[in-house]
Amino acid sequence: MNGSTVIHGIVLFSQPVGEADRRLVILSGELGRVTAFARGARRPNSPLISAGPFTYGEITLYQSRNYNVVDSIDSAKYFDEVTRDFERSCYGSYFAEFADYYAREGLEARESVRLLYASLLALSRAHIPLELVRAVYELRMMAINGEYSAEPFGECEAAADYAWRYVLGAPLEKLFSFDLEKKAAAQFEAAVGRLREHYIDHSFRSLELLGTV
């Protein structure tokens, strides 16, 4: 990365470093996973004070020695509704960890960024149950990365089967525009869980935390 580079993405993780800096892991459409340092971001008057988890926007980077530094963040969305609610923030943290599992440095991730954005928006609006938001997100993220089944992973009734096919093919802006009755939702969520366990041999810390909420 030479000179300044503009990326569009979502901050997945933000970790304090030193007295005032932050280390960010960003999922970007152009460059996939990017690690960068936001200098002075923890100071109250810093223009980078918004550099926290779930911040979405246009991020300008420059290279200092062998690492990336955040020059500016033109934020389009902060997802305050997620960060201010403990349960929703737990789901958001899991979504970020799940996205990071698939992300690769230097490999564009435009579809994953768009999905994560839509899923955080669904979390903030909460017009469908949070567990269903999670299952929809998991299924579509696995499909983006080529790890999915065209049919439900396990026996499901018609409504859950339809939801599965809908999630695989719907435009992202309409992905969360449906709801399911309790029984069908449970079947759909269980089928997605089986699919995840089949393809992903990884322990997500935030998923374990969700189990205690």
C-alpha atoms as a PDB file:
ATOM      1  CA  MET A   1       0.000   0.000   0.000  1.00  0.00           C
ATOM      2  CA  ASN A   2       1.766   3.128  -1.225  1.00  0.00           C
ATOM      3  CA  GLY A   3       0.611   6.654  -0.391  1.00  0.00           C
ATOM      4  CA  SER A   4      -2.956   7.005   0.846  1.00  0.00           C
ATOM      5  CA  THR A   5      -5.661   4.456   0.108  1.00  0.00           C
ATOM      6  CA  VAL A   6      -9.413   4.816   0.502  1.00  0.00           C
ATOM      7  CA  ILE A   7     -11.424   1.762   1.506  1.00  0.00           C
ATOM      8  CA  HIS A   8     -15.077   1.258   2.352  1.00  0.00           C
ATOM      9  CA  GLY A   9     -15.826  -1.061   5.211  1.00  0.00           C
ATOM     10  CA  ILE A  10     -16.847  -1.871   8.758  1.00  0.00           C
ATOM     11  CA  VAL A  11     -14.676  -1.923  11.868  1.00  0.00           C
ATOM     12  CA  LEU A  12     -14.867  -5.456  13.248  1.00  0.00           C
ATOM     13  CA  PHE A  13     -12.661  -5.034  16.310  1.00  0.00           C
ATOM     14  CA  SER A  14     -11.114  -2.094  18.138  1.00  0.00           C
ATOM     15  CA  GLN A  15      -8.398  -2.674  20.749  1.00  0.00           C
ATOM     16  CA  PRO A  16      -6.672  -0.053  22.939  1.00  0.00           C
ATOM     17  CA  VAL A  17      -2.944   0.312  22.284  1.00  0.00           C
ATOM     18  CA  GLY A  18      -0.559   2.412  24.341  1.00  0.00           C
ATOM     19  CA  GLU A  19      -1.900   5.536  26.021  1.00  0.00           C
ATOM     20  CA  ALA A  20      -4.239   6.864  23.354  1.00  0.00           C
ATOM     21  CA  ASP A  21      -4.206   4.717  20.206  1.00  0.00           C
ATOM     22  CA  ARG A  22      -6.431   1.957  18.892  1.00  0.00           C
ATOM     23  CA  ARG A  23      -5.675  -1.094  16.783  1.00  0.00           C
ATOM     24  CA  LEU A  24      -8.497  -1.724  14.310  1.00  0.00           C
ATOM     25  CA  VAL A  25      -9.435  -4.765  12.288  1.00  0.00           C
ATOM     26  CA  ILE A  26     -11.527  -3.620   9.344  1.00  0.00           C
ATOM     27  CA  LEU A  27     -13.528  -5.655   6.845  1.00  0.00           C
ATOM     28  CA  SER A  28     -13.249  -3.717   3.606  1.00  0.00           C
ATOM     29  CA  GLY A  29     -14.825  -4.255   0.237  1.00  0.00           C
ATOM     30  CA  GLU A  30     -11.640  -3.495  -1.653  1.00  0.00           C
ATOM     31  CA  LEU A  31      -8.917  -5.184   0.427  1.00  0.00           C
ATOM     32  CA  GLY A  32     -10.687  -7.700   2.616  1.00  0.00           C
ATOM     33  CA  ARG A  33      -9.352  -7.777   6.172  1.00  0.00           C
ATOM     34  CA  VAL A  34      -7.192  -4.762   6.985  1.00  0.00           C
ATOM     35  CA  THR A  35      -5.363  -4.115  10.265  1.00  0.00           C
ATOM     36  CA  ALA A  36      -4.628  -0.453  10.971  1.00  0.00           C
ATOM     37  CA  PHE A  37      -3.736   1.852  13.844  1.00  0.00           C
ATOM     38  CA  ALA A  38      -5.823   4.896  14.742  1.00  0.00           C
ATOM     39  CA  ARG A  39      -3.405   7.227  16.477  1.00  0.00           C
ATOM     40  CA  GLY A  40      -4.850   9.285  19.318  1.00  0.00           C
ATOM     41  CA  ALA A  41      -8.307   7.793  18.772  1.00  0.00           C
ATOM     42  CA  ARG A  42      -8.950   7.505  22.523  1.00  0.00           C
ATOM     43  CA  ARG A  43      -8.479  11.208  23.153  1.00  0.00           C
ATOM     44  CA  PRO A  44     -11.802  13.049  23.703  1.00  0.00           C
ATOM     45  CA  ASN A  45     -11.130  15.597  20.957  1.00  0.00           C
ATOM     46  CA  SER A  46      -9.781  13.142  18.395  1.00  0.00           C
ATOM     47  CA  PRO A  47     -11.359  13.154  14.914  1.00  0.00           C
ATOM     48  CA  LEU A  48     -10.954   9.365  15.064  1.00  0.00           C
ATOM     49  CA  ILE A  49     -12.931   8.912  18.278  1.00  0.00           C
ATOM     50  CA  SER A  50     -15.616   7.117  16.257  1.00  0.00           C
ATOM     51  CA  ALA A  51     -13.158   4.325  15.416  1.00  0.00           C
ATOM     52  CA  GLY A  52     -15.049   1.671  17.352  1.00  0.00           C
ATOM     53  CA  PRO A  53     -16.695  -1.643  16.535  1.00  0.00           C
ATOM     54  CA  PHE A  54     -19.445  -1.584  13.893  1.00  0.00           C
ATOM     55  CA  THR A  55     -18.444   1.830  12.522  1.00  0.00           C
ATOM     56  CA  TYR A  56     -19.134   1.791   8.799  1.00  0.00           C
ATOM     57  CA  GLY A  57     -17.800   4.318   6.331  1.00  0.00           C
ATOM     58  CA  GLU A  58     -15.099   5.541   4.007  1.00  0.00           C
ATOM     59  CA  ILE A  59     -11.713   5.067   5.640  1.00  0.00           C
ATOM     60  CA  THR A  60      -8.513   6.681   4.399  1.00  0.00           C
ATOM     61  CA  LEU A  61      -5.273   4.868   5.233  1.00  0.00           C
ATOM     62  CA  TYR A  62      -1.609   5.595   4.762  1.00  0.00           C
ATOM     63  CA  GLN A  63       1.411   3.421   5.402  1.00  0.00           C
ATOM     64  CA  SER A  64       3.945   4.218   8.089  1.00  0.00           C
ATOM     65  CA  ARG A  65       6.925   1.884   8.058  1.00  0.00           C
ATOM     66  CA  ASN A  66       5.362  -1.556   7.815  1.00  0.00           C
ATOM     67  CA  TYR A  67       1.858  -0.909   9.103  1.00  0.00           C
ATOM     68  CA  ASN A  68      -1.310   0.927   8.113  1.00  0.00           C
ATOM     69  CA  VAL A  69      -2.436   4.099   9.864  1.00  0.00           C
ATOM     70  CA  VAL A  70      -5.947   5.552   9.749  1.00  0.00           C
ATOM     71  CA  ASP A  71      -5.862   9.092   8.425  1.00  0.00           C
ATOM     72  CA  SER A  72      -9.616   9.737   8.509  1.00  0.00           C
ATOM     73  CA  ILE A  73     -13.001   8.067   8.825  1.00  0.00           C
ATOM     74  CA  ASP A  74     -15.940   9.509   6.964  1.00  0.00           C
ATOM     75  CA  SER A  75     -18.587   7.536   8.811  1.00  0.00           C
ATOM     76  CA  ALA A  76     -21.915   6.850   7.215  1.00  0.00           C
ATOM     77  CA  LYS A  77     -23.257   4.734  10.087  1.00  0.00           C
ATOM     78  CA  TYR A  78     -22.311   4.051  13.728  1.00  0.00           C
ATOM     79  CA  PHE A  79     -25.008   1.489  14.672  1.00  0.00           C
ATOM     80  CA  ASP A  80     -25.506   3.113  18.074  1.00  0.00           C
ATOM     81  CA  GLU A  81     -28.659   1.036  18.578  1.00  0.00           C
ATOM     82  CA  VAL A  82     -26.460  -2.067  18.587  1.00  0.00           C
ATOM     83  CA  THR A  83     -23.579  -0.786  20.721  1.00  0.00           C
ATOM     84  CA  ARG A  84     -25.868   0.654  23.423  1.00  0.00           C
ATOM     85  CA  ASP A  85     -27.840  -2.559  23.962  1.00  0.00           C
ATOM     86  CA  PHE A  86     -25.993  -5.427  25.630  1.00  0.00           C
ATOM     87  CA  GLU A  87     -27.820  -8.259  23.882  1.00  0.00           C
ATOM     88  CA  ARG A  88     -27.634  -6.653  20.459  1.00  0.00           C
ATOM     89  CA  SER A  89     -23.955  -5.845  20.959  1.00  0.00           C
ATOM     90  CA  CYS A  90     -23.328  -9.511  21.764  1.00  0.00           C
ATOM     91  CA  TYR A  91     -24.955 -10.490  18.482  1.00  0.00           C
ATOM     92  CA  GLY A  92     -23.001  -7.786  16.670  1.00  0.00           C
ATOM     93  CA  SER A  93     -19.741  -9.061  18.152  1.00  0.00           C
ATOM     94  CA  TYR A  94     -20.560 -12.548  16.932  1.00  0.00           C
ATOM     95  CA  PHE A  95     -21.376 -11.243  13.460  1.00  0.00           C
ATOM     96  CA  ALA A  96     -18.007  -9.475  13.414  1.00  0.00           C
ATOM     97  CA  GLU A  97     -16.170 -12.604  14.550  1.00  0.00           C
ATOM     98  CA  PHE A  98     -17.998 -14.712  11.964  1.00  0.00           C
ATOM     99  CA  ALA A  99     -17.077 -12.249   9.208  1.00  0.00           C
ATOM    100  CA  ASP A 100     -13.465 -12.218  10.386  1.00  0.00           C
ATOM    101  CA  TYR A 101     -13.357 -16.021  10.195  1.00  0.00           C
ATOM    102  CA  TYR A 102     -13.921 -15.853   6.449  1.00  0.00           C
ATOM    103  CA  ALA A 103     -12.047 -12.612   5.719  1.00  0.00           C
ATOM    104  CA  ARG A 104      -8.635 -12.672   4.053  1.00  0.00           C
ATOM    105  CA  GLU A 105      -6.100  -9.910   3.630  1.00  0.00           C
ATOM    106  CA  GLY A 106      -5.959  -8.632   0.058  1.00  0.00           C
ATOM    107  CA  LEU A 107      -9.072 -10.530  -1.039  1.00  0.00           C
ATOM    108  CA  GLU A 108     -11.987  -8.230  -1.859  1.00  0.00           C
ATOM    109  CA  ALA A 109     -15.078  -8.717   0.284  1.00  0.00           C
ATOM    110  CA  ARG A 110     -17.723  -6.364  -1.077  1.00  0.00           C
ATOM    111  CA  GLU A 111     -20.557  -8.854  -0.711  1.00  0.00           C
ATOM    112  CA  SER A 112     -19.552  -9.714   2.862  1.00  0.00           C
ATOM    113  CA  VAL A 113     -19.388  -6.018   3.799  1.00  0.00           C
ATOM    114  CA  ARG A 114     -22.850  -5.452   2.347  1.00  0.00           C
ATOM    115  CA  LEU A 115     -24.213  -8.480   4.210  1.00  0.00           C
ATOM    116  CA  LEU A 116     -22.688  -7.423   7.520  1.00  0.00           C
ATOM    117  CA  TYR A 117     -24.072  -3.915   7.069  1.00  0.00           C
ATOM    118  CA  ALA A 118     -27.576  -5.246   6.316  1.00  0.00           C
ATOM    119  CA  SER A 119     -27.399  -7.624   9.298  1.00  0.00           C
ATOM    120  CA  LEU A 120     -26.315  -4.913  11.744  1.00  0.00           C
ATOM    121  CA  LEU A 121     -29.141  -2.768  10.404  1.00  0.00           C
ATOM    122  CA  ALA A 122     -31.569  -5.627  11.059  1.00  0.00           C
ATOM    123  CA  LEU A 123     -30.173  -5.963  14.592  1.00  0.00           C
ATOM    124  CA  SER A 124     -30.700  -2.268  15.247  1.00  0.00           C
ATOM    125  CA  ARG A 125     -34.271  -2.323  13.984  1.00  0.00           C
ATOM    126  CA  ALA A 126     -35.166  -5.660  15.556  1.00  0.00           C
ATOM    127  CA  HIS A 127     -38.298  -6.105  13.463  1.00  0.00           C
ATOM    128  CA  ILE A 128     -37.654  -9.860  13.449  1.00  0.00           C
ATOM    129  CA  PRO A 129     -36.300 -11.961  16.351  1.00  0.00           C
ATOM    130  CA  LEU A 130     -32.568 -11.641  16.942  1.00  0.00           C
ATOM    131  CA  GLU A 131     -32.017 -15.406  16.733  1.00  0.00           C
ATOM    132  CA  LEU A 132     -33.578 -15.387  13.284  1.00  0.00           C
ATOM    133  CA  VAL A 133     -31.389 -12.457  12.222  1.00  0.00           C
ATOM    134  CA  ARG A 134     -28.384 -14.471  13.315  1.00  0.00           C
ATOM    135  CA  ALA A 135     -29.424 -17.598  11.389  1.00  0.00           C
ATOM    136  CA  VAL A 136     -30.111 -15.597   8.220  1.00  0.00           C
ATOM    137  CA  TYR A 137     -26.720 -13.917   8.513  1.00  0.00           C
ATOM    138  CA  GLU A 138     -24.878 -17.195   9.091  1.00  0.00           C
ATOM    139  CA  LEU A 139     -26.510 -18.945   6.143  1.00  0.00           C
ATOM    140  CA  ARG A 140     -25.929 -16.115   3.697  1.00  0.00           C
ATOM    141  CA  MET A 141     -22.310 -15.582   4.844  1.00  0.00           C
ATOM    142  CA  MET A 142     -21.563 -19.273   4.415  1.00  0.00           C
ATOM    143  CA  ALA A 143     -23.183 -19.180   0.977  1.00  0.00           C
ATOM    144  CA  ILE A 144     -21.055 -16.197  -0.065  1.00  0.00           C
ATOM    145  CA  ASN A 145     -18.017 -18.265   0.857  1.00  0.00           C
ATOM    146  CA  GLY A 146     -19.181 -21.386  -0.943  1.00  0.00           C
ATOM    147  CA  GLU A 147     -20.030 -23.462   2.139  1.00  0.00           C
ATOM    148  CA  TYR A 148     -23.735 -24.186   1.968  1.00  0.00           C
ATOM    149  CA  SER A 149     -26.457 -26.563   0.895  1.00  0.00           C
ATOM    150  CA  ALA A 150     -29.156 -25.659  -1.616  1.00  0.00           C
ATOM    151  CA  GLU A 151     -31.688 -27.342   0.664  1.00  0.00           C
ATOM    152  CA  PRO A 152     -32.114 -27.192   4.445  1.00  0.00           C
ATOM    153  CA  PHE A 153     -29.592 -29.222   6.396  1.00  0.00           C
ATOM    154  CA  GLY A 154     -32.141 -31.527   7.955  1.00  0.00           C
ATOM    155  CA  GLU A 155     -35.890 -32.048   7.693  1.00  0.00           C
ATOM    156  CA  CYS A 156     -37.970 -28.862   7.719  1.00  0.00           C
ATOM    157  CA  GLU A 157     -41.565 -27.963   7.068  1.00  0.00           C
ATOM    158  CA  ALA A 158     -42.529 -25.917   4.009  1.00  0.00           C
ATOM    159  CA  ALA A 159     -42.178 -22.481   5.616  1.00  0.00           C
ATOM    160  CA  ALA A 160     -38.648 -23.159   6.869  1.00  0.00           C
ATOM    161  CA  ASP A 161     -37.707 -24.693   3.535  1.00  0.00           C
ATOM    162  CA  TYR A 162     -38.971 -21.588   1.724  1.00  0.00           C
ATOM    163  CA  ALA A 163     -37.032 -19.325   4.112  1.00  0.00           C
ATOM    164  CA  TRP A 164     -33.836 -21.259   3.402  1.00  0.00           C
ATOM    165  CA  ARG A 165     -34.187 -20.847  -0.354  1.00  0.00           C
ATOM    166  CA  TYR A 166     -35.220 -17.217   0.043  1.00  0.00           C
ATOM    167  CA  VAL A 167     -32.145 -16.376   2.126  1.00  0.00           C
ATOM    168  CA  LEU A 168     -29.842 -17.966  -0.443  1.00  0.00           C
ATOM    169  CA  GLY A 169     -31.251 -15.953  -3.335  1.00  0.00           C
ATOM    170  CA  ALA A 170     -32.828 -12.727  -2.071  1.00  0.00           C
ATOM    171  CA  PRO A 171     -31.268  -9.312  -2.776  1.00  0.00           C
ATOM    172  CA  LEU A 172     -29.409  -8.161   0.325  1.00  0.00           C
ATOM    173  CA  GLU A 173     -31.639  -5.122   0.751  1.00  0.00           C
ATOM    174  CA  LYS A 174     -34.632  -7.478   1.112  1.00  0.00           C
ATOM    175  CA  LEU A 175     -32.901 -10.259   3.029  1.00  0.00           C
ATOM    176  CA  PHE A 176     -34.611  -9.534   6.359  1.00  0.00           C
ATOM    177  CA  SER A 177     -38.048  -8.642   5.035  1.00  0.00           C
ATOM    178  CA  PHE A 178     -39.766 -11.782   6.296  1.00  0.00           C
ATOM    179  CA  ASP A 179     -40.715 -13.516   9.527  1.00  0.00           C
ATOM    180  CA  LEU A 180     -41.517 -17.084  10.516  1.00  0.00           C
ATOM    181  CA  GLU A 181     -43.881 -18.706  12.945  1.00  0.00           C
ATOM    182  CA  LYS A 182     -42.155 -20.033  16.052  1.00  0.00           C
ATOM    183  CA  LYS A 183     -41.988 -23.685  14.952  1.00  0.00           C
ATOM    184  CA  ALA A 184     -40.696 -22.897  11.451  1.00  0.00           C
ATOM    185  CA  ALA A 185     -38.178 -20.411  12.849  1.00  0.00           C
ATOM    186  CA  ALA A 186     -36.841 -23.046  15.256  1.00  0.00           C
ATOM    187  CA  GLN A 187     -36.478 -25.541  12.402  1.00  0.00           C
ATOM    188  CA  PHE A 188     -34.724 -23.007  10.202  1.00  0.00           C
ATOM    189  CA  GLU A 189     -32.334 -21.934  12.972  1.00  0.00           C
ATOM    190  CA  ALA A 190     -31.538 -25.555  13.850  1.00  0.00           C
ATOM    191  CA  ALA A 191     -30.851 -26.384  10.191  1.00  0.00           C
ATOM    192  CA  VAL A 192     -28.460 -23.446   9.904  1.00  0.00           C
ATOM    193  CA  GLY A 193     -26.755 -24.556  13.111  1.00  0.00           C
ATOM    194  CA  ARG A 194     -26.194 -28.026  11.671  1.00  0.00           C
ATOM    195  CA  LEU A 195     -24.790 -26.517   8.488  1.00  0.00           C
ATOM    196  CA  ARG A 196     -22.396 -24.338  10.489  1.00  0.00           C
ATOM    197  CA  GLU A 197     -21.181 -27.290  12.543  1.00  0.00           C
ATOM    198  CA  HIS A 198     -20.701 -29.322   9.369  1.00  0.00           C
ATOM    199  CA  TYR A 199     -18.503 -26.775   7.604  1.00  0.00           C
ATOM    200  CA  ILE A 200     -16.848 -24.794  10.380  1.00  0.00           C
ATOM    201  CA  ASP A 201     -14.456 -26.403  12.843  1.00  0.00           C
ATOM    202  CA  HIS A 202     -13.883 -23.314  14.919  1.00  0.00           C
ATOM    203  CA  SER A 203     -14.892 -22.069  18.359  1.00  0.00           C
ATOM    204  CA  PHE A 204     -16.360 -18.553  18.378  1.00  0.00           C
ATOM    205  CA  ARG A 205     -15.908 -16.869  21.760  1.00  0.00           C
ATOM    206  CA  SER A 206     -18.777 -14.468  21.142  1.00  0.00           C
ATOM    207  CA  LEU A 207     -21.089 -17.380  20.323  1.00  0.00           C
ATOM    208  CA  GLU A 208     -20.308 -18.912  23.695  1.00  0.00           C
ATOM    209  CA  LEU A 209     -21.151 -15.566  25.303  1.00  0.00           C
ATOM    210  CA  LEU A 210     -24.454 -15.446  23.431  1.00  0.00           C
ATOM    211  CA  GLY A 211     -25.369 -18.755  25.025  1.00  0.00           C
ATOM    212  CA  THR A 212     -25.335 -17.051  28.421  1.00  0.00           C
ATOM    213  CA  VAL A 213     -27.510 -14.064  27.426  1.00  0.00           C
END
